[in-house]
N, C-alpha and C. Protein backbone atom coordinates (compact mmCIF):
# COMPACT_ATOMS: atom_id res chain seq x y z
N MET A 1 -66.57 -31.32 -1.41
CA MET A 1 -65.99 -29.96 -1.16
C MET A 1 -64.74 -29.62 -0.70
N LEU A 2 -64.74 -30.69 0.75
CA LEU A 2 -63.26 -30.53 1.58
C LEU A 2 -62.05 -30.90 0.64
N TRP A 3 -62.34 -31.74 -0.33
CA TRP A 3 -61.26 -32.23 -1.47
C TRP A 3 -60.84 -31.08 -2.26
N GLU A 4 -61.99 -30.45 -2.65
CA GLU A 4 -61.82 -29.45 -3.81
C GLU A 4 -61.14 -28.60 -3.34
N THR A 5 -61.00 -28.09 -2.02
CA THR A 5 -60.65 -26.95 -1.44
C THR A 5 -59.22 -27.38 -1.15
N ILE A 6 -59.03 -28.71 -0.92
CA ILE A 6 -57.38 -29.08 -0.51
C ILE A 6 -56.88 -29.23 -2.06
N GLU A 7 -57.24 -29.52 -2.82
CA GLU A 7 -56.73 -29.61 -4.30
C GLU A 7 -56.17 -28.02 -4.50
N ARG A 8 -57.33 -27.19 -4.57
CA ARG A 8 -57.12 -25.74 -4.75
C ARG A 8 -55.87 -25.01 -4.12
N VAL A 9 -55.90 -25.47 -2.50
CA VAL A 9 -54.74 -24.93 -1.73
C VAL A 9 -53.41 -25.59 -2.28
N ASN A 10 -53.68 -26.71 -2.68
CA ASN A 10 -52.44 -27.28 -3.31
C ASN A 10 -51.72 -26.87 -4.39
N ARG A 11 -52.66 -26.59 -5.33
CA ARG A 11 -52.17 -25.70 -6.47
C ARG A 11 -51.42 -24.60 -6.62
N MET A 12 -52.11 -23.85 -5.50
CA MET A 12 -51.74 -22.53 -5.31
C MET A 12 -50.03 -22.75 -4.51
N ARG A 13 -50.28 -23.80 -3.81
CA ARG A 13 -48.80 -23.75 -3.01
C ARG A 13 -47.87 -24.04 -4.07
N GLN A 14 -48.24 -24.96 -4.85
CA GLN A 14 -46.98 -25.39 -5.91
C GLN A 14 -46.51 -24.33 -6.74
N LYS A 15 -47.52 -23.50 -7.42
CA LYS A 15 -47.47 -22.37 -8.01
C LYS A 15 -46.73 -21.13 -7.37
N ALA A 16 -46.98 -20.85 -6.08
CA ALA A 16 -46.00 -20.20 -5.49
C ALA A 16 -44.81 -20.74 -5.15
N MET A 17 -44.53 -22.02 -4.83
CA MET A 17 -43.01 -22.52 -4.74
C MET A 17 -42.26 -22.54 -6.07
N SER A 18 -43.05 -22.51 -7.18
CA SER A 18 -42.54 -22.29 -8.53
C SER A 18 -41.70 -20.89 -8.84
N ASP A 19 -42.46 -19.81 -8.05
CA ASP A 19 -42.18 -18.43 -8.36
C ASP A 19 -41.06 -17.55 -7.60
N PRO A 20 -39.91 -17.43 -8.20
CA PRO A 20 -38.85 -17.10 -7.42
C PRO A 20 -38.79 -15.61 -6.60
N GLU A 21 -39.94 -14.63 -7.03
CA GLU A 21 -40.64 -13.74 -6.16
C GLU A 21 -40.77 -13.95 -4.98
N PHE A 22 -41.64 -15.29 -4.83
CA PHE A 22 -42.35 -15.73 -3.62
C PHE A 22 -41.02 -16.22 -2.81
N HIS A 23 -40.00 -16.85 -3.10
CA HIS A 23 -39.03 -17.18 -2.45
C HIS A 23 -38.34 -16.04 -1.82
N LYS A 24 -38.18 -15.00 -2.46
CA LYS A 24 -37.31 -13.64 -2.23
C LYS A 24 -38.20 -13.14 -1.22
N THR A 25 -39.28 -13.22 -1.21
CA THR A 25 -40.47 -12.67 -0.37
C THR A 25 -40.27 -13.69 1.29
N ALA A 26 -40.07 -14.53 0.85
CA ALA A 26 -40.37 -15.41 2.18
C ALA A 26 -39.05 -15.50 2.87
N GLN A 27 -37.82 -15.02 2.21
CA GLN A 27 -36.26 -14.98 2.92
C GLN A 27 -36.42 -13.75 3.65
N GLU A 28 -37.10 -12.64 3.06
CA GLU A 28 -37.13 -11.29 3.73
C GLU A 28 -37.53 -11.41 4.76
N HIS A 29 -39.02 -11.94 4.71
CA HIS A 29 -40.05 -12.60 5.78
C HIS A 29 -39.34 -13.20 7.24
N ALA A 30 -38.61 -14.15 6.44
CA ALA A 30 -38.07 -14.98 7.95
C ALA A 30 -36.78 -14.39 8.64
N LYS A 31 -36.17 -13.46 7.70
CA LYS A 31 -35.06 -12.19 8.40
C LYS A 31 -35.78 -11.65 8.80
N THR A 32 -36.99 -11.16 8.82
CA THR A 32 -37.62 -9.98 9.94
C THR A 32 -38.06 -10.96 11.05
N LEU A 33 -38.64 -11.96 10.76
CA LEU A 33 -38.94 -12.63 11.90
C LEU A 33 -37.70 -12.97 12.91
N GLU A 34 -36.53 -12.99 12.51
CA GLU A 34 -35.65 -13.44 12.91
C GLU A 34 -35.27 -12.13 14.03
N PHE A 35 -35.11 -11.30 13.26
CA PHE A 35 -34.60 -9.70 13.83
C PHE A 35 -35.76 -9.52 15.06
N VAL A 36 -37.15 -9.91 14.44
CA VAL A 36 -37.91 -9.34 15.86
C VAL A 36 -38.07 -10.22 16.98
N GLU A 37 -37.97 -11.46 16.62
CA GLU A 37 -37.53 -12.70 17.78
C GLU A 37 -36.24 -12.21 18.88
N GLN A 38 -35.25 -11.87 18.08
CA GLN A 38 -33.84 -11.16 18.89
C GLN A 38 -34.19 -10.18 19.42
N GLU A 39 -34.62 -9.18 19.03
CA GLU A 39 -35.20 -7.89 19.77
C GLU A 39 -36.10 -8.20 21.10
N PHE A 40 -37.32 -9.01 20.59
CA PHE A 40 -37.86 -9.45 22.00
C PHE A 40 -37.21 -10.16 22.95
N GLU A 41 -36.38 -11.11 22.53
CA GLU A 41 -35.63 -11.94 23.76
C GLU A 41 -34.54 -11.01 24.17
N TYR A 42 -33.88 -10.15 23.42
CA TYR A 42 -33.22 -8.97 24.49
C TYR A 42 -33.77 -8.25 25.50
N ARG A 43 -35.31 -8.13 25.02
CA ARG A 43 -35.67 -7.37 26.14
C ARG A 43 -36.50 -7.80 27.24
N ARG A 44 -36.63 -9.01 26.70
CA ARG A 44 -36.98 -9.83 28.04
C ARG A 44 -36.14 -10.32 29.21
N ILE A 45 -34.95 -10.54 28.23
CA ILE A 45 -33.60 -10.49 28.99
C ILE A 45 -33.38 -9.41 30.24
N ARG A 46 -33.41 -8.19 29.60
CA ARG A 46 -33.38 -7.14 30.16
C ARG A 46 -34.34 -6.83 31.23
N ARG A 47 -35.29 -6.85 30.72
CA ARG A 47 -36.39 -6.94 31.97
C ARG A 47 -36.53 -7.80 33.11
N LYS A 48 -36.04 -8.91 32.70
CA LYS A 48 -35.96 -10.13 33.75
C LYS A 48 -34.86 -9.58 34.61
N LYS A 49 -33.58 -8.96 34.23
CA LYS A 49 -32.61 -8.39 35.19
C LYS A 49 -33.11 -7.47 36.04
N THR A 50 -33.85 -6.53 35.60
CA THR A 50 -34.22 -5.50 36.47
C THR A 50 -35.27 -6.09 37.54
N LYS A 51 -36.20 -7.03 37.31
CA LYS A 51 -37.03 -7.58 38.01
C LYS A 51 -36.28 -8.30 39.36
N LEU A 52 -34.75 -8.86 39.09
CA LEU A 52 -34.04 -9.49 40.02
C LEU A 52 -33.79 -8.50 41.64
N LYS A 53 -34.13 -7.05 41.25
CA LYS A 53 -33.61 -6.08 42.22
C LYS A 53 -34.43 -6.57 43.71
N LYS A 54 -33.56 -6.17 44.89
CA LYS A 54 -34.74 -6.67 45.68
C LYS A 54 -35.63 -5.43 46.27
N PRO A 55 -36.91 -5.91 46.46
CA PRO A 55 -37.81 -4.66 46.57
C PRO A 55 -37.69 -4.08 48.05
N LYS A 56 -37.73 -2.67 48.16
CA LYS A 56 -37.65 -2.09 49.46
C LYS A 56 -38.60 -2.15 50.59
N SER A 57 -38.09 -2.63 51.69
CA SER A 57 -39.34 -3.10 52.71
C SER A 57 -39.57 -1.51 53.18
N LEU A 58 -40.34 -1.99 54.00
CA LEU A 58 -41.10 -0.67 54.74
C LEU A 58 -39.95 -0.09 55.65
N ALA A 59 -39.09 -1.04 56.42
CA ALA A 59 -37.92 -0.44 57.19
C ALA A 59 -37.30 0.29 56.62
N ASP A 60 -36.61 -0.05 55.17
CA ASP A 60 -35.99 0.49 54.45
C ASP A 60 -36.00 1.91 53.93
N ILE A 61 -37.33 1.95 53.59
CA ILE A 61 -38.16 3.32 53.36
C ILE A 61 -37.79 4.19 54.43
N TYR A 62 -38.55 3.78 55.36
CA TYR A 62 -38.44 4.70 56.87
C TYR A 62 -37.16 4.40 57.53
N GLN A 63 -36.32 4.05 57.34
CA GLN A 63 -34.78 4.08 58.06
C GLN A 63 -34.72 5.56 58.50
N LYS A 64 -34.37 5.49 59.86
CA LYS A 64 -33.96 7.08 60.28
C LYS A 64 -32.51 7.37 59.80
N THR A 65 -32.10 8.43 59.37
CA THR A 65 -31.22 8.88 58.45
C THR A 65 -30.31 9.79 59.51
N SER A 66 -30.69 10.37 60.56
CA SER A 66 -30.04 11.21 61.53
C SER A 66 -30.53 11.13 62.80
N ALA A 67 -29.60 11.56 63.80
CA ALA A 67 -30.20 11.72 65.21
C ALA A 67 -31.29 12.69 65.52
N THR A 68 -31.51 13.34 64.55
CA THR A 68 -32.58 14.47 64.69
C THR A 68 -33.83 14.04 64.53
N ASP A 69 -34.12 12.89 63.99
CA ASP A 69 -35.38 12.17 63.44
C ASP A 69 -36.20 11.75 64.90
N ASP A 70 -35.20 11.51 65.55
CA ASP A 70 -35.43 10.98 67.15
C ASP A 70 -36.37 12.10 68.10
N GLU A 71 -35.97 14.06 67.63
CA GLU A 71 -36.27 14.70 68.29
C GLU A 71 -37.86 15.01 67.89
N ASN A 72 -38.50 15.49 68.71
CA ASN A 72 -40.10 16.13 68.80
C ASN A 72 -39.55 17.47 68.37
N PRO A 73 -39.94 18.04 67.03
CA PRO A 73 -39.72 19.21 66.61
C PRO A 73 -40.74 20.52 67.40
N SER A 74 -42.14 19.71 67.72
CA SER A 74 -43.27 20.67 67.99
C SER A 74 -42.99 20.92 69.58
N GLY A 75 -42.01 19.76 70.49
CA GLY A 75 -42.29 19.61 71.42
C GLY A 75 -43.24 19.00 72.57
N ILE A 76 -44.42 18.95 71.78
CA ILE A 76 -45.32 18.61 72.10
C ILE A 76 -45.64 16.82 72.09
N GLU A 77 -46.12 16.10 73.40
CA GLU A 77 -46.04 14.93 73.37
C GLU A 77 -47.42 14.36 72.98
N HIS A 78 -47.26 13.27 72.34
CA HIS A 78 -48.75 12.72 72.38
C HIS A 78 -48.92 11.53 72.81
């Protein structure tokens, strides 16, 4: 049974290899795969560059920007 399947697949492969339409389709498929791989690689590289940014620390986020931040606007001490 396995041998019959191998022979059948081999005959189909030989038939496909002798078909010019198959070759044309295979070349188009290869070009499409190359294009997709290039696009994926471009996006992966671009994404990797954005990850290289230093994440903000809490000190950066809550850094005081002016002297008025030191004052207590309500005047009530806690």
